[in-house]
Each structure stands twice: as C-alpha cells, then as structure tokens.
C-alpha atoms as a PDB file:
ATOM      1  CA  MET A   1       8.602  13.500  -2.451  1.00  0.00           C
ATOM      2  CA  LEU A   2       5.662  12.792  -4.747  1.00  0.00           C
ATOM      3  CA  CYS A   3       4.170   9.374  -5.285  1.00  0.00           C
ATOM      4  CA  ALA A   4       1.366   7.876  -7.316  1.00  0.00           C
ATOM      5  CA  ILE A   5      -1.101   5.548  -5.614  1.00  0.00           C
ATOM      6  CA  TYR A   6      -2.937   2.709  -7.357  1.00  0.00           C
ATOM      7  CA  ARG A   7      -5.573   0.293  -6.096  1.00  0.00           C
ATOM      8  CA  SER A   8      -5.614  -3.381  -6.901  1.00  0.00           C
ATOM      9  CA  THR A   9      -8.261  -4.943  -9.125  1.00  0.00           C
ATOM     10  CA  LYS A  10      -7.622  -8.362  -7.561  1.00  0.00           C
ATOM     11  CA  ARG A  11      -7.215  -7.647  -3.847  1.00  0.00           C
ATOM     12  CA  ASP A  12      -9.571  -5.485  -1.788  1.00  0.00           C
ATOM     13  CA  GLN A  13      -7.981  -2.635   0.203  1.00  0.00           C
ATOM     14  CA  THR A  14      -4.581  -3.218  -1.411  1.00  0.00           C
ATOM     15  CA  TYR A  15      -2.660  -0.246  -2.786  1.00  0.00           C
ATOM     16  CA  LEU A  16       0.609   0.227  -4.636  1.00  0.00           C
ATOM     17  CA  TYR A  17       2.669   3.408  -4.246  1.00  0.00           C
ATOM     18  CA  VAL A  18       5.248   4.235  -6.949  1.00  0.00           C
ATOM     19  CA  GLU A  19       7.613   7.160  -7.393  1.00  0.00           C
ATOM     20  CA  ILE A  20       6.485   8.120 -10.903  1.00  0.00           C
ATOM     21  CA  ARG A  21       2.957   7.841 -12.274  1.00  0.00           C
ATOM     22  CA  ASP A  22       2.497   4.806 -14.530  1.00  0.00           C
ATOM     23  CA  ASP A  23       6.123   3.668 -14.012  1.00  0.00           C
ATOM     24  CA  PHE A  24       6.016   0.115 -12.688  1.00  0.00           C
ATOM     25  CA  SER A  25       9.549  -0.762 -13.837  1.00  0.00           C
ATOM     26  CA  LYS A  26      10.788  -1.227 -10.252  1.00  0.00           C
ATOM     27  CA  VAL A  27       7.829  -3.385  -9.207  1.00  0.00           C
ATOM     28  CA  PRO A  28       8.512  -7.130  -9.455  1.00  0.00           C
ATOM     29  CA  PRO A  29       6.477  -8.782 -12.261  1.00  0.00           C
ATOM     30  CA  GLU A  30       5.091 -11.388  -9.845  1.00  0.00           C
ATOM     31  CA  LEU A  31       3.714  -8.619  -7.608  1.00  0.00           C
ATOM     32  CA  ILE A  32       2.009  -6.937 -10.568  1.00  0.00           C
ATOM     33  CA  LYS A  33       0.590 -10.307 -11.652  1.00  0.00           C
ATOM     34  CA  ASN A  34      -0.985 -10.844  -8.207  1.00  0.00           C
ATOM     35  CA  PHE A  35      -1.978  -7.166  -7.854  1.00  0.00           C
ATOM     36  CA  GLY A  36      -3.878  -7.051 -11.136  1.00  0.00           C
ATOM     37  CA  LYS A  37      -4.232  -4.046 -13.408  1.00  0.00           C
ATOM     38  CA  PRO A  38      -3.313  -1.000 -11.299  1.00  0.00           C
ATOM     39  CA  VAL A  39      -6.102   1.591 -11.156  1.00  0.00           C
ATOM     40  CA  PHE A  40      -4.813   5.131 -10.549  1.00  0.00           C
ATOM     41  CA  VAL A  41      -6.203   6.706  -7.372  1.00  0.00           C
ATOM     42  CA  MET A  42      -4.172   9.884  -6.832  1.00  0.00           C
ATOM     43  CA  MET A  43      -0.854  11.691  -6.706  1.00  0.00           C
ATOM     44  CA  LEU A  44       0.281  12.471  -3.177  1.00  0.00           C
ATOM     45  CA  SER A  45       3.046  14.647  -1.764  1.00  0.00           C
ATOM     46  CA  LEU A  46       4.710  13.048   1.251  1.00  0.00           C
ATOM     47  CA  ASP A  47       6.899  16.079   2.029  1.00  0.00           C
ATOM     48  CA  LYS A  48       4.708  18.007   4.448  1.00  0.00           C
ATOM     49  CA  ARG A  49       2.778  15.078   5.888  1.00  0.00           C
ATOM     50  CA  ASP A  50       3.349  13.538   9.294  1.00  0.00           C
ATOM     51  CA  ARG A  51       1.106  10.528   8.744  1.00  0.00           C
ATOM     52  CA  LEU A  52      -1.104   8.674   6.307  1.00  0.00           C
ATOM     53  CA  ALA A  53      -4.543   7.206   6.944  1.00  0.00           C
ATOM     54  CA  SER A  54      -3.660   3.523   6.635  1.00  0.00           C
ATOM     55  CA  ALA A  55       0.112   3.263   6.205  1.00  0.00           C
ATOM     56  CA  ASP A  56       3.194   4.215   8.199  1.00  0.00           C
ATOM     57  CA  ILE A  57       4.535   7.245   6.318  1.00  0.00           C
ATOM     58  CA  ASN A  58       8.134   6.496   7.309  1.00  0.00           C
ATOM     59  CA  LYS A  59       7.896   2.953   5.913  1.00  0.00           C
ATOM     60  CA  VAL A  60       6.375   4.361   2.720  1.00  0.00           C
ATOM     61  CA  ARG A  61       9.209   6.890   2.309  1.00  0.00           C
ATOM     62  CA  VAL A  62      11.936   4.321   2.987  1.00  0.00           C
ATOM     63  CA  SER A  63      10.397   1.740   0.680  1.00  0.00           C
ATOM     64  CA  LEU A  64       9.946   4.245  -2.146  1.00  0.00           C
ATOM     65  CA  THR A  65      13.554   5.395  -1.770  1.00  0.00           C
ATOM     66  CA  GLU A  66      15.116   1.936  -1.461  1.00  0.00           C
ATOM     67  CA  GLN A  67      12.823  -0.202  -3.660  1.00  0.00           C
ATOM     68  CA  GLY A  68      10.961   2.298  -5.825  1.00  0.00           C
ATOM     69  CA  PHE A  69       7.551   1.103  -4.605  1.00  0.00           C
ATOM     70  CA  TYR A  70       5.488   0.405  -1.477  1.00  0.00           C
ATOM     71  CA  LEU A  71       2.714  -2.177  -1.174  1.00  0.00           C
ATOM     72  CA  GLN A  72      -0.074  -1.412   1.304  1.00  0.00           C
ATOM     73  CA  VAL A  73      -2.119  -4.440   2.331  1.00  0.00           C
ATOM     74  CA  PRO A  74      -5.124  -4.480   4.669  1.00  0.00           C
ATOM     75  CA  PRO A  75      -4.584  -5.497   8.286  1.00  0.00           C
ATOM     76  CA  PRO A  76      -5.358  -9.132   9.065  1.00  0.00           C
ATOM     77  CA  ILE A  77      -8.930  -9.876  10.026  1.00  0.00           C
ATOM     78  CA  GLU A  78      -9.267 -10.512  13.732  1.00  0.00           C
ATOM     79  CA  SER A  79     -10.543 -13.982  14.475  1.00  0.00           C
ATOM     80  CA  LEU A  80     -13.365 -14.078  16.975  1.00  0.00           C
ATOM     81  CA  LEU A  81     -12.311 -17.609  17.871  1.00  0.00           C
ATOM     82  CA  GLN A  82      -8.980 -16.336  19.187  1.00  0.00           C
ATOM     83  CA  THR A  83     -10.389 -13.390  21.146  1.00  0.00           C
ATOM     84  CA  PRO A  84     -10.869 -14.149  24.823  1.00  0.00           C
ATOM     85  CA  GLU A  85     -14.323 -13.179  26.066  1.00  0.00           C
ATOM     86  CA  SER A  86     -15.749 -13.176  29.504  1.00  0.00           C
ATOM     87  CA  ILE A  87     -19.165 -14.715  29.742  1.00  0.00           C
ATOM     88  CA  ASP A  88     -21.293 -13.437  32.595  1.00  0.00           C
END
C-alpha cells in the first residue's frame, strides 16, 4: 500500500495521508479548508513497515482503506499546571 503524505500550511506538525498523490477527492472540504494548501512531503510504502515515527501504522492503514485519507495531528501539549511535582 502506497500513500502520499502532505504537511499543512495552517497547522504545525499536522500531516495528511492520501492513497493517490494529489487526489484529495475523499477528503472532506472542511478538513482541506482548515488544513490549508497541502504541501507534498513524500510517497511512502506501508507494506513492509511495522511502525511509523509519529503515527500508529495500523490506524493509518485502516483509515486509508475505509476513508481514503488519514489525518495526523500533533499530540496535545502537556500542561505543567496539571503535572504533579514534589517540592523538596
């Protein structure tokens, strides 16, 4: 399974995976509007990979098969206010 990966021009560390390069027909228009103009990053084969750097490869495969795209967003920023600390 090949996929094309694009980065967002509006949201940092946000990537869109599609089945066919430059084919955004299965991506909802509202998502593209919020994503911005997709900037091509690379073509990637998922066939012989066990994992990806920042996304769950199984979720990517399922989403590409069922929806025709996968949206990778950055993890939420950890709030230091909510992290318990011990003060010595």
